[in-house]
Amino acid sequence: MNQNQIDYSSEQKHTISLHVANRPGVLIRIALVFARRGYNIDSLVVSPASNPDYSMMNIVAKGDKRTLTQILKQLNKLIDVVHATDHTGEDILQKELALIKISCTQQERSEVLQLAHAMKCDIIDISELVVTLQITGGSEELDNATQVLGAYEVIEIVRTGKVLMAKGAEHTA
């Protein structure tokens, strides 16, 4: 394969934003487009757009570029989709949030709190045997934090999907 060719066969995570009509049933129609092509949605965030008649969707899904190209074409044909864009590889603003609940003894608590401070986690709840942390950042930051904190007894992790926004004056979708 030369430099100008695209490798359509390799799977990677794709970050997609959609500007959609704020109507019942839109989410299921979008999910069906992914399901028909065998694409699994890894994360999905829906938020209101500046106009209340519309919403913004951010979807992360893993698969090959050829299938994603077909999915984007189908999404852009849906009546309720104003615009769908693949932001994979673009320089965009993206963040996630995770809440991590850790069971720890009194002796482990100071270690957990030191790690939390080093990883820039916020401590949002402390009880006798449980510490709950909040961390925001890129996906890799959250992956690293959950891996490090995995050395302790993690009771529960709840993660948002990616929220993303184009830099500067450009609109995201």
C-alpha atoms as a PDB file:
ATOM      1  CA  MET A   1       0.000   0.000   0.000  1.00  0.00           C
ATOM      2  CA  ASN A   2       1.470   3.388  -0.944  1.00  0.00           C
ATOM      3  CA  GLN A   3       1.191   6.595   1.103  1.00  0.00           C
ATOM      4  CA  ASN A   4      -1.869   7.899  -0.758  1.00  0.00           C
ATOM      5  CA  GLN A   5      -3.992   4.796  -0.219  1.00  0.00           C
ATOM      6  CA  ILE A   6      -6.337   4.454   2.739  1.00  0.00           C
ATOM      7  CA  ASP A   7      -6.379   1.185   4.667  1.00  0.00           C
ATOM      8  CA  TYR A   8     -10.119   0.474   4.768  1.00  0.00           C
ATOM      9  CA  SER A   9      -9.732  -2.895   6.492  1.00  0.00           C
ATOM     10  CA  SER A  10      -8.209  -1.864   9.814  1.00  0.00           C
ATOM     11  CA  GLU A  11     -10.553  -1.281  12.723  1.00  0.00           C
ATOM     12  CA  GLN A  12     -10.239   1.854  14.788  1.00  0.00           C
ATOM     13  CA  LYS A  13     -12.389   3.995  17.051  1.00  0.00           C
ATOM     14  CA  HIS A  14     -14.340   6.663  15.217  1.00  0.00           C
ATOM     15  CA  THR A  15     -15.685   9.821  16.840  1.00  0.00           C
ATOM     16  CA  ILE A  16     -18.834  11.010  15.099  1.00  0.00           C
ATOM     17  CA  SER A  17     -20.983  14.054  15.763  1.00  0.00           C
ATOM     18  CA  LEU A  18     -24.528  14.506  14.540  1.00  0.00           C
ATOM     19  CA  HIS A  19     -26.807  17.522  14.498  1.00  0.00           C
ATOM     20  CA  VAL A  20     -30.329  16.066  14.623  1.00  0.00           C
ATOM     21  CA  ALA A  21     -33.959  17.094  15.013  1.00  0.00           C
ATOM     22  CA  ASN A  22     -35.105  16.905  18.628  1.00  0.00           C
ATOM     23  CA  ARG A  23     -37.978  14.452  18.047  1.00  0.00           C
ATOM     24  CA  PRO A  24     -39.062  11.098  19.459  1.00  0.00           C
ATOM     25  CA  GLY A  25     -37.621   8.091  17.594  1.00  0.00           C
ATOM     26  CA  VAL A  26     -34.510   9.804  16.211  1.00  0.00           C
ATOM     27  CA  LEU A  27     -32.140   7.878  18.472  1.00  0.00           C
ATOM     28  CA  ILE A  28     -33.543   4.465  17.503  1.00  0.00           C
ATOM     29  CA  ARG A  29     -33.322   5.275  13.778  1.00  0.00           C
ATOM     30  CA  ILE A  30     -29.675   6.295  14.180  1.00  0.00           C
ATOM     31  CA  ALA A  31     -28.866   3.218  16.280  1.00  0.00           C
ATOM     32  CA  LEU A  32     -30.449   0.991  13.622  1.00  0.00           C
ATOM     33  CA  VAL A  33     -28.135   2.404  10.940  1.00  0.00           C
ATOM     34  CA  PHE A  34     -25.157   1.285  13.041  1.00  0.00           C
ATOM     35  CA  ALA A  35     -26.716  -2.088  13.930  1.00  0.00           C
ATOM     36  CA  ARG A  36     -27.532  -2.967  10.295  1.00  0.00           C
ATOM     37  CA  ARG A  37     -23.860  -2.548   9.402  1.00  0.00           C
ATOM     38  CA  GLY A  38     -22.640  -4.569  12.384  1.00  0.00           C
ATOM     39  CA  TYR A  39     -21.129  -1.548  14.134  1.00  0.00           C
ATOM     40  CA  ASN A  40     -21.338  -1.474  17.915  1.00  0.00           C
ATOM     41  CA  ILE A  41     -21.742   1.926  19.575  1.00  0.00           C
ATOM     42  CA  ASP A  42     -19.160   2.212  22.372  1.00  0.00           C
ATOM     43  CA  SER A  43     -20.445   5.501  23.745  1.00  0.00           C
ATOM     44  CA  LEU A  44     -23.292   7.871  23.030  1.00  0.00           C
ATOM     45  CA  VAL A  45     -23.942  11.347  24.391  1.00  0.00           C
ATOM     46  CA  VAL A  46     -27.002  13.396  23.480  1.00  0.00           C
ATOM     47  CA  SER A  47     -27.309  17.027  24.488  1.00  0.00           C
ATOM     48  CA  PRO A  48     -29.500  19.963  23.515  1.00  0.00           C
ATOM     49  CA  ALA A  49     -28.254  22.228  20.738  1.00  0.00           C
ATOM     50  CA  SER A  50     -28.458  26.025  20.982  1.00  0.00           C
ATOM     51  CA  ASN A  51     -31.813  25.800  19.177  1.00  0.00           C
ATOM     52  CA  PRO A  52     -34.250  23.658  21.263  1.00  0.00           C
ATOM     53  CA  ASP A  53     -35.654  22.085  18.077  1.00  0.00           C
ATOM     54  CA  TYR A  54     -32.331  20.256  17.606  1.00  0.00           C
ATOM     55  CA  SER A  55     -29.919  18.064  19.556  1.00  0.00           C
ATOM     56  CA  MET A  56     -26.253  17.180  19.272  1.00  0.00           C
ATOM     57  CA  MET A  57     -25.163  13.540  19.381  1.00  0.00           C
ATOM     58  CA  ASN A  58     -21.612  12.325  19.912  1.00  0.00           C
ATOM     59  CA  ILE A  59     -21.017   8.685  19.075  1.00  0.00           C
ATOM     60  CA  VAL A  60     -17.872   6.604  19.458  1.00  0.00           C
ATOM     61  CA  ALA A  61     -17.870   3.329  17.543  1.00  0.00           C
ATOM     62  CA  LYS A  62     -15.147   0.900  16.496  1.00  0.00           C
ATOM     63  CA  GLY A  63     -14.905  -0.556  13.012  1.00  0.00           C
ATOM     64  CA  ASP A  64     -13.367  -0.228   9.572  1.00  0.00           C
ATOM     65  CA  LYS A  65     -13.319   3.002   7.562  1.00  0.00           C
ATOM     66  CA  ARG A  66     -15.230   1.565   4.591  1.00  0.00           C
ATOM     67  CA  THR A  67     -18.229   0.603   6.726  1.00  0.00           C
ATOM     68  CA  LEU A  68     -18.104   3.938   8.544  1.00  0.00           C
ATOM     69  CA  THR A  69     -18.206   5.763   5.213  1.00  0.00           C
ATOM     70  CA  GLN A  70     -21.401   3.873   4.336  1.00  0.00           C
ATOM     71  CA  ILE A  71     -22.888   4.596   7.779  1.00  0.00           C
ATOM     72  CA  LEU A  72     -22.196   8.327   7.409  1.00  0.00           C
ATOM     73  CA  LYS A  73     -23.862   8.354   3.973  1.00  0.00           C
ATOM     74  CA  GLN A  74     -26.932   6.589   5.415  1.00  0.00           C
ATOM     75  CA  LEU A  75     -27.052   8.889   8.448  1.00  0.00           C
ATOM     76  CA  ASN A  76     -26.895  11.983   6.268  1.00  0.00           C
ATOM     77  CA  LYS A  77     -29.880  10.640   4.265  1.00  0.00           C
ATOM     78  CA  LEU A  78     -32.107  10.340   7.349  1.00  0.00           C
ATOM     79  CA  ILE A  79     -34.776  13.052   7.472  1.00  0.00           C
ATOM     80  CA  ASP A  80     -34.056  13.960  11.094  1.00  0.00           C
ATOM     81  CA  VAL A  81     -30.275  14.237  10.614  1.00  0.00           C
ATOM     82  CA  VAL A  82     -29.158  17.730   9.666  1.00  0.00           C
ATOM     83  CA  HIS A  83     -25.510  16.705   9.439  1.00  0.00           C
ATOM     84  CA  ALA A  84     -23.263  13.795  10.473  1.00  0.00           C
ATOM     85  CA  THR A  85     -19.472  14.168  10.609  1.00  0.00           C
ATOM     86  CA  ASP A  86     -16.590  11.824  11.408  1.00  0.00           C
ATOM     87  CA  HIS A  87     -14.052  13.701  13.546  1.00  0.00           C
ATOM     88  CA  THR A  88     -11.565  10.823  13.775  1.00  0.00           C
ATOM     89  CA  GLY A  89      -8.033  12.171  13.554  1.00  0.00           C
ATOM     90  CA  GLU A  90      -9.161  15.803  13.758  1.00  0.00           C
ATOM     91  CA  ASP A  91      -7.861  18.227  16.360  1.00  0.00           C
ATOM     92  CA  ILE A  92     -11.052  18.714  18.375  1.00  0.00           C
ATOM     93  CA  LEU A  93     -11.873  19.320  22.010  1.00  0.00           C
ATOM     94  CA  GLN A  94     -13.042  16.095  23.683  1.00  0.00           C
ATOM     95  CA  LYS A  95     -13.588  15.145  27.301  1.00  0.00           C
ATOM     96  CA  GLU A  96     -15.140  12.370  29.365  1.00  0.00           C
ATOM     97  CA  LEU A  97     -16.097  12.101  33.002  1.00  0.00           C
ATOM     98  CA  ALA A  98     -15.834   9.050  35.253  1.00  0.00           C
ATOM     99  CA  LEU A  99     -17.047   8.372  38.766  1.00  0.00           C
ATOM    100  CA  ILE A 100     -14.999   5.675  40.491  1.00  0.00           C
ATOM    101  CA  LYS A 101     -16.118   4.107  43.769  1.00  0.00           C
ATOM    102  CA  ILE A 102     -13.331   2.338  45.669  1.00  0.00           C
ATOM    103  CA  SER A 103     -13.575   0.181  48.759  1.00  0.00           C
ATOM    104  CA  CYS A 104     -10.546   0.759  50.946  1.00  0.00           C
ATOM    105  CA  THR A 105      -9.440   0.187  54.482  1.00  0.00           C
ATOM    106  CA  GLN A 106      -8.346   3.037  56.739  1.00  0.00           C
ATOM    107  CA  GLN A 107      -4.721   2.153  55.891  1.00  0.00           C
ATOM    108  CA  GLU A 108      -5.366   2.196  52.113  1.00  0.00           C
ATOM    109  CA  ARG A 109      -7.358   5.433  52.210  1.00  0.00           C
ATOM    110  CA  SER A 110      -4.314   7.737  52.345  1.00  0.00           C
ATOM    111  CA  GLU A 111      -2.731   5.888  49.384  1.00  0.00           C
ATOM    112  CA  VAL A 112      -5.954   6.172  47.382  1.00  0.00           C
ATOM    113  CA  LEU A 113      -6.278   9.877  48.201  1.00  0.00           C
ATOM    114  CA  GLN A 114      -2.639  10.521  47.236  1.00  0.00           C
ATOM    115  CA  LEU A 115      -3.162   8.733  43.921  1.00  0.00           C
ATOM    116  CA  ALA A 116      -6.376  10.668  43.365  1.00  0.00           C
ATOM    117  CA  HIS A 117      -4.530  13.938  43.932  1.00  0.00           C
ATOM    118  CA  ALA A 118      -1.690  12.907  41.579  1.00  0.00           C
ATOM    119  CA  MET A 119      -4.199  12.003  38.847  1.00  0.00           C
ATOM    120  CA  LYS A 120      -6.172  15.241  39.399  1.00  0.00           C
ATOM    121  CA  CYS A 121      -9.291  13.430  40.582  1.00  0.00           C
ATOM    122  CA  ASP A 122     -11.873  15.242  42.674  1.00  0.00           C
ATOM    123  CA  ILE A 123     -12.956  13.499  45.858  1.00  0.00           C
ATOM    124  CA  ILE A 124     -16.730  13.660  45.830  1.00  0.00           C
ATOM    125  CA  ASP A 125     -17.629  11.306  48.685  1.00  0.00           C
ATOM    126  CA  ILE A 126     -15.831   9.642  51.559  1.00  0.00           C
ATOM    127  CA  SER A 127     -17.382   7.203  53.986  1.00  0.00           C
ATOM    128  CA  GLU A 128     -15.819   4.829  56.501  1.00  0.00           C
ATOM    129  CA  LEU A 129     -14.837   2.204  53.912  1.00  0.00           C
ATOM    130  CA  VAL A 130     -15.535   3.814  50.537  1.00  0.00           C
ATOM    131  CA  VAL A 131     -14.001   6.700  48.567  1.00  0.00           C
ATOM    132  CA  THR A 132     -15.727   8.017  45.445  1.00  0.00           C
ATOM    133  CA  LEU A 133     -13.650   9.966  42.939  1.00  0.00           C
ATOM    134  CA  GLN A 134     -14.473  12.031  39.887  1.00  0.00           C
ATOM    135  CA  ILE A 135     -12.043  12.451  37.018  1.00  0.00           C
ATOM    136  CA  THR A 136     -12.454  14.348  33.766  1.00  0.00           C
ATOM    137  CA  GLY A 137     -10.178  14.282  30.774  1.00  0.00           C
ATOM    138  CA  GLY A 138      -9.450  12.475  27.576  1.00  0.00           C
ATOM    139  CA  SER A 139     -10.280   8.794  27.139  1.00  0.00           C
ATOM    140  CA  GLU A 140      -6.660   7.736  27.673  1.00  0.00           C
ATOM    141  CA  GLU A 141      -6.458   9.696  30.944  1.00  0.00           C
ATOM    142  CA  LEU A 142      -9.565   7.944  32.249  1.00  0.00           C
ATOM    143  CA  ASP A 143      -8.299   4.549  31.054  1.00  0.00           C
ATOM    144  CA  ASN A 144      -5.010   5.123  32.876  1.00  0.00           C
ATOM    145  CA  ALA A 145      -6.726   6.255  36.078  1.00  0.00           C
ATOM    146  CA  THR A 146      -9.030   3.233  36.154  1.00  0.00           C
ATOM    147  CA  GLN A 147      -6.058   0.949  35.542  1.00  0.00           C
ATOM    148  CA  VAL A 148      -4.017   2.493  38.386  1.00  0.00           C
ATOM    149  CA  LEU A 149      -6.978   2.488  40.774  1.00  0.00           C
ATOM    150  CA  GLY A 150      -7.698  -1.116  39.773  1.00  0.00           C
ATOM    151  CA  ALA A 151      -5.009  -2.124  42.261  1.00  0.00           C
ATOM    152  CA  TYR A 152      -7.657  -1.432  44.907  1.00  0.00           C
ATOM    153  CA  GLU A 153     -11.131  -2.922  45.220  1.00  0.00           C
ATOM    154  CA  VAL A 154     -13.106  -0.918  42.661  1.00  0.00           C
ATOM    155  CA  ILE A 155     -16.793  -1.297  43.510  1.00  0.00           C
ATOM    156  CA  GLU A 156     -18.180   0.619  40.576  1.00  0.00           C
ATOM    157  CA  ILE A 157     -17.151   2.779  37.621  1.00  0.00           C
ATOM    158  CA  VAL A 158     -19.601   4.955  35.736  1.00  0.00           C
ATOM    159  CA  ARG A 159     -18.316   6.752  32.643  1.00  0.00           C
ATOM    160  CA  THR A 160     -19.903   9.242  30.334  1.00  0.00           C
ATOM    161  CA  GLY A 161     -19.284   9.052  26.645  1.00  0.00           C
ATOM    162  CA  LYS A 162     -17.127  11.599  24.867  1.00  0.00           C
ATOM    163  CA  VAL A 163     -18.398  15.113  24.624  1.00  0.00           C
ATOM    164  CA  LEU A 164     -16.732  16.940  21.789  1.00  0.00           C
ATOM    165  CA  MET A 165     -16.602  20.320  20.188  1.00  0.00           C
ATOM    166  CA  ALA A 166     -14.722  21.780  17.242  1.00  0.00           C
ATOM    167  CA  LYS A 167     -12.049  24.315  18.120  1.00  0.00           C
ATOM    168  CA  GLY A 168     -12.364  28.013  17.330  1.00  0.00           C
ATOM    169  CA  ALA A 169     -15.378  29.479  15.529  1.00  0.00           C
ATOM    170  CA  GLU A 170     -16.135  26.279  13.576  1.00  0.00           C
ATOM    171  CA  HIS A 171     -19.379  24.431  14.395  1.00  0.00           C
ATOM    172  CA  THR A 172     -18.994  20.812  15.521  1.00  0.00           C
ATOM    173  CA  ALA A 173     -21.534  19.124  13.250  1.00  0.00           C
END
